[in-house]
Protein backbone atom coordinates (compact mmCIF):
# COMPACT_ATOMS: atom_id res chain seq x y z
CA UNK A 1 -14.91 69.58 50.05
CA UNK A 2 -11.89 70.94 49.83
CA UNK A 3 -10.33 67.45 50.40
CA UNK A 4 -12.91 66.15 47.34
CA UNK A 5 -11.92 68.84 45.15
CA UNK A 6 -8.25 67.78 45.46
CA UNK A 7 -9.50 63.81 44.83
CA UNK A 8 -11.15 64.96 41.78
CA UNK A 9 -8.20 66.82 40.43
CA UNK A 10 -5.69 63.88 41.68
CA UNK A 11 -7.64 61.21 39.55
CA UNK A 12 -8.34 63.39 36.74
CA UNK A 13 -4.30 63.81 36.80
CA UNK A 14 -3.93 60.28 37.05
CA UNK A 15 -6.25 59.34 33.89
CA UNK A 16 -5.66 62.44 31.90
CA UNK A 17 -5.01 60.26 28.86
CA UNK A 18 -7.74 58.21 29.16
CA UNK A 19 -10.37 61.23 29.74
CA UNK A 20 -9.13 63.15 27.05
CA UNK A 21 -9.95 60.31 24.86
CA UNK A 22 -13.33 59.88 26.14
CA UNK A 23 -14.01 63.51 25.87
CA UNK A 24 -12.84 63.60 22.03
CA UNK A 25 -15.18 60.78 21.45
CA UNK A 26 -17.81 62.71 22.93
CA UNK A 27 -17.45 66.75 20.93
CA UNK A 28 -17.22 64.38 18.05
CA UNK A 29 -20.16 62.24 18.52
CA UNK A 30 -21.73 65.38 19.20
CA UNK A 31 -20.57 67.22 16.06
CA UNK A 32 -21.88 64.62 13.70
CA UNK A 33 -25.35 64.20 12.92
CA UNK A 34 -25.90 61.12 10.61
CA UNK A 35 -29.02 59.76 9.42
CA UNK A 36 -29.55 57.50 13.36
CA UNK A 37 -32.35 55.26 13.52
CA UNK A 38 -33.26 54.47 16.79
CA UNK A 39 -34.90 51.29 15.98
CA UNK A 40 -32.90 48.82 14.12
CA UNK A 41 -35.04 46.24 12.72
CA UNK A 42 -34.60 44.67 9.83
CA UNK A 43 -36.96 45.03 6.88
CA UNK A 44 -37.30 41.38 7.18
CA UNK A 45 -38.50 41.40 10.50
CA UNK A 46 -40.88 44.41 10.41
CA UNK A 47 -42.53 42.72 7.72
CA UNK A 48 -43.16 39.59 9.94
CA UNK A 49 -44.49 42.23 12.93
CA UNK A 50 -46.57 43.48 10.49
CA UNK A 51 -48.32 40.20 9.51
CA UNK A 52 -49.12 39.25 12.87
CA UNK A 53 -52.38 38.01 13.22
CA UNK A 54 -52.28 35.35 16.20
CA UNK A 55 -50.01 34.03 18.96
CA UNK A 56 -46.64 33.26 17.29
CA UNK A 57 -44.80 32.11 19.68
CA UNK A 58 -41.08 30.37 18.54
CA UNK A 59 -41.02 33.32 16.14
CA UNK A 60 -41.68 36.14 18.76
CA UNK A 61 -39.08 34.13 21.16
CA UNK A 62 -36.04 34.28 18.48
CA UNK A 63 -37.02 37.93 17.74
CA UNK A 64 -36.35 38.42 21.02
CA UNK A 65 -32.83 36.58 21.48
CA UNK A 66 -31.84 38.45 18.59
CA UNK A 67 -32.26 41.61 19.27
CA UNK A 68 -30.40 40.66 22.73
CA UNK A 69 -27.77 39.10 21.43
CA UNK A 70 -26.98 41.63 18.74
CA UNK A 71 -28.10 44.63 21.00
CA UNK A 72 -24.21 45.95 21.22
CA UNK A 73 -25.71 48.92 23.93
CA UNK A 74 -27.63 46.32 26.14
CA UNK A 75 -24.26 44.28 26.22
CA UNK A 76 -22.05 47.20 26.64
CA UNK A 77 -23.80 47.84 29.87
CA UNK A 78 -24.16 44.22 31.13
CA UNK A 79 -20.53 44.37 30.28
CA UNK A 80 -19.64 47.37 32.37
CA UNK A 81 -22.04 45.48 35.36
CA UNK A 82 -20.10 42.62 35.58
CA UNK A 83 -16.55 43.46 35.12
CA UNK A 84 -15.48 43.27 38.14
CA UNK A 85 -17.77 40.86 39.95
CA UNK A 86 -16.26 37.87 40.77
CA UNK A 87 -18.45 35.62 42.78
CA UNK A 88 -21.83 33.81 41.17
CA UNK A 89 -23.98 34.93 43.36
CA UNK A 90 -22.71 39.03 42.76
CA UNK A 91 -23.20 38.35 38.94
CA UNK A 92 -26.45 36.37 39.51
CA UNK A 93 -27.79 38.99 41.94
CA UNK A 94 -26.97 42.39 39.16
CA UNK A 95 -28.10 40.54 35.95
CA UNK A 96 -31.57 39.92 37.47
CA UNK A 97 -32.17 42.98 38.98
CA UNK A 98 -31.59 44.17 35.12
CA UNK A 99 -33.32 41.60 33.91
CA UNK A 100 -36.67 42.74 36.43
CA UNK A 101 -36.32 46.50 35.31
CA UNK A 102 -36.44 45.89 31.69
CA UNK A 103 -39.11 43.14 31.79
CA UNK A 104 -41.09 45.30 33.82
CA UNK A 105 -40.53 48.56 31.10
CA UNK A 106 -40.63 46.13 28.36
CA UNK A 107 -44.05 44.62 29.10
CA UNK A 108 -45.33 48.12 30.02
CA UNK A 109 -44.42 49.76 27.38
CA UNK A 110 -45.92 46.84 24.93
CA UNK A 111 -48.92 45.98 26.53
CA UNK A 112 -49.62 49.00 29.11
CA UNK A 113 -49.40 51.66 26.01
CA UNK A 114 -46.93 53.72 27.82
CA UNK A 115 -44.93 55.75 25.30
CA UNK A 116 -41.46 57.50 25.54
CA UNK A 117 -39.18 59.26 23.00
CA UNK A 118 -36.94 56.39 21.27
CA UNK A 119 -34.08 58.96 20.64
CA UNK A 120 -34.38 59.73 24.61
CA UNK A 121 -34.76 56.38 25.97
CA UNK A 122 -31.83 55.35 23.52
CA UNK A 123 -29.12 58.60 24.68
CA UNK A 124 -30.16 57.95 28.55
CA UNK A 125 -29.36 54.06 27.72
CA UNK A 126 -25.71 55.49 26.16
CA UNK A 127 -24.95 57.26 29.13
CA UNK A 128 -25.82 53.89 31.35
CA UNK A 129 -22.93 52.34 29.69
CA UNK A 130 -21.17 55.72 30.79
CA UNK A 131 -21.73 55.80 34.18
CA UNK A 132 -20.81 51.96 34.90
CA UNK A 133 -17.54 52.60 32.97
CA UNK A 134 -17.06 56.07 35.19
CA UNK A 135 -18.13 53.84 38.24
CA UNK A 136 -15.75 51.19 37.61
CA UNK A 137 -12.56 53.54 37.06
CA UNK A 138 -13.30 54.42 40.43
CA UNK A 139 -14.70 58.33 39.29
CA UNK A 140 -17.66 58.22 42.42
CA UNK A 141 -14.61 57.86 45.16
CA UNK A 142 -12.98 60.48 43.41
CA UNK A 143 -15.83 62.84 43.74
CA UNK A 144 -16.59 61.26 47.87
CA UNK A 145 -19.56 59.93 47.02
CA UNK A 146 -20.42 56.54 46.12
CA UNK A 147 -24.07 55.85 44.64
CA UNK A 148 -26.22 52.30 45.00
CA UNK A 149 -24.68 50.32 42.65
CA UNK A 150 -27.32 48.06 42.53
CA UNK A 151 -30.16 50.78 42.83
CA UNK A 152 -28.49 52.17 39.56
CA UNK A 153 -28.72 48.78 37.96
CA UNK A 154 -32.26 48.59 38.12
CA UNK A 155 -33.12 51.88 37.49
CA UNK A 156 -31.35 51.63 34.12
CA UNK A 157 -32.87 48.37 33.07
CA UNK A 158 -35.64 50.36 33.07
CA UNK A 159 -34.77 52.33 30.96
CA UNK A 160 -33.59 49.49 28.83
CA UNK A 161 -36.99 48.14 28.71
CA UNK A 162 -38.37 51.30 27.75
CA UNK A 163 -35.53 50.65 24.72
CA UNK A 164 -37.16 47.45 24.21
CA UNK A 165 -40.58 48.29 23.95
CA UNK A 166 -40.03 51.27 21.45
CA UNK A 167 -38.85 48.92 19.01
CA UNK A 168 -42.40 47.46 19.25
CA UNK A 169 -44.28 50.19 19.34
CA UNK A 170 -43.62 51.18 15.36
CA UNK A 171 -45.75 48.02 14.40
CA UNK A 172 -49.35 48.23 14.89
CA UNK A 173 -49.55 45.01 16.27
CA UNK A 174 -52.15 42.90 15.93
CA UNK A 175 -54.66 42.71 18.95
CA UNK A 176 -55.10 38.89 18.38
CA UNK A 177 -52.65 37.14 20.61
CA UNK A 178 -50.64 40.55 21.22
CA UNK A 179 -50.15 39.14 25.33
CA UNK A 180 -48.72 36.04 24.04
CA UNK A 181 -46.35 37.55 21.47
CA UNK A 182 -44.86 40.13 23.95
CA UNK A 183 -44.42 37.86 26.63
CA UNK A 184 -42.75 35.33 24.23
CA UNK A 185 -40.81 38.05 22.89
CA UNK A 186 -39.56 38.71 26.49
CA UNK A 187 -39.04 35.24 26.92
CA UNK A 188 -36.65 35.30 23.78
CA UNK A 189 -35.17 38.53 25.10
CA UNK A 190 -33.70 36.91 28.43
CA UNK A 191 -32.63 33.93 26.14
CA UNK A 192 -30.57 36.27 24.37
CA UNK A 193 -29.52 37.98 27.63
CA UNK A 194 -28.34 35.09 29.56
CA UNK A 195 -26.37 33.39 25.95
CA UNK A 196 -24.51 36.26 25.37
CA UNK A 197 -23.65 36.81 29.35
CA UNK A 198 -22.27 33.32 29.45
CA UNK A 199 -20.12 33.93 26.42
CA UNK A 200 -18.78 37.27 28.10
CA UNK A 201 -18.06 35.57 31.33
CA UNK A 202 -16.08 32.99 29.39
CA UNK A 203 -13.79 35.59 27.86
CA UNK A 204 -13.85 37.38 31.26
CA UNK A 205 -13.09 34.32 33.22
CA UNK A 206 -9.95 33.71 30.40
CA UNK A 207 -8.87 36.96 30.27
CA UNK A 208 -8.77 37.50 34.18
CA UNK A 209 -5.89 34.92 34.03
CA UNK A 210 -3.57 36.74 31.99
CA UNK A 211 -1.47 39.58 33.66
CA UNK A 212 -2.89 42.12 31.48
CA UNK A 213 -6.62 42.41 32.93
CA UNK A 214 -5.88 44.52 35.78
CA UNK A 215 -3.80 46.65 33.97
CA UNK A 216 -5.68 47.34 31.12
CA UNK A 217 -9.20 47.77 33.12
CA UNK A 218 -9.27 51.67 33.21
CA UNK A 219 -8.28 51.38 29.57
CA UNK A 220 -11.37 49.27 29.35
CA UNK A 221 -14.05 50.93 30.77
CA UNK A 222 -12.45 54.11 29.31
CA UNK A 223 -13.36 52.41 26.21
CA UNK A 224 -16.98 51.73 27.28
CA UNK A 225 -17.21 55.19 28.41
CA UNK A 226 -16.52 56.08 24.97
CA UNK A 227 -18.73 53.89 23.43
CA UNK A 228 -21.56 55.26 25.63
CA UNK A 229 -20.92 58.95 24.75
CA UNK A 230 -20.93 57.96 21.39
CA UNK A 231 -24.23 56.09 21.14
CA UNK A 232 -25.99 58.77 23.59
CA UNK A 233 -24.07 61.78 20.54
CA UNK A 234 -25.75 60.11 17.54
CA UNK A 235 -29.38 59.53 19.39
CA UNK A 236 -29.27 63.36 20.61
CA UNK A 237 -28.47 64.07 16.70
CA UNK A 238 -31.06 62.13 15.33
CA UNK A 239 -33.76 63.44 18.25
CA UNK A 240 -32.34 67.38 17.06
CA UNK A 241 -31.88 66.75 13.61
CA UNK A 242 -35.48 65.21 13.49
CA UNK A 243 -34.64 61.97 11.35
CA UNK A 244 -36.89 60.05 12.39
């Protein structure tokens, strides 16, 4: 125990400036209670979803892809997941685990009627980003523990899937063609995910050729943690203010 405490103190000392920036962002996000919406669906898309009456495969695939490509919370988590992955098979493994997780809960939530509070779900999604940033910075090693990264990615995939499901549960979707439409939306999500992931991988591949990649790795992951804290803080502010 004493060794773990010493290692943690050393880790905190070495990264005190980064941790300070994260702490400031956390308390700032919790102190501000804006009118936060947990569901970023445009009015045009909302009207379309409400008017559905029958299968609409291509439009739902488009909406799924659009949501993932513009879903910065999902993308930030994936950036954290693949940040230190260099081998293609490792990238495919972890992305597949995430895909399985969010596909299961998306379908279960949208088709099985399993409900969860949208603000709480989105707050946990924010914390999933914090988790990956902290892990990438060596935080768990400093504590002398190492949770299973595979299990964490799968479990957080389940949470991200509920985040997707809650966005559809706001709409009383017609039962006519519902299964086809939800599956189409999920397929679109996967298309959007791999499209966005390809762009992230290209950017990382280029950055890894530059000398500043490892030098700025801690700062980058501290930024991920900060973004995760801000997202979680905003969602909890929305939850406690009852703005939904």
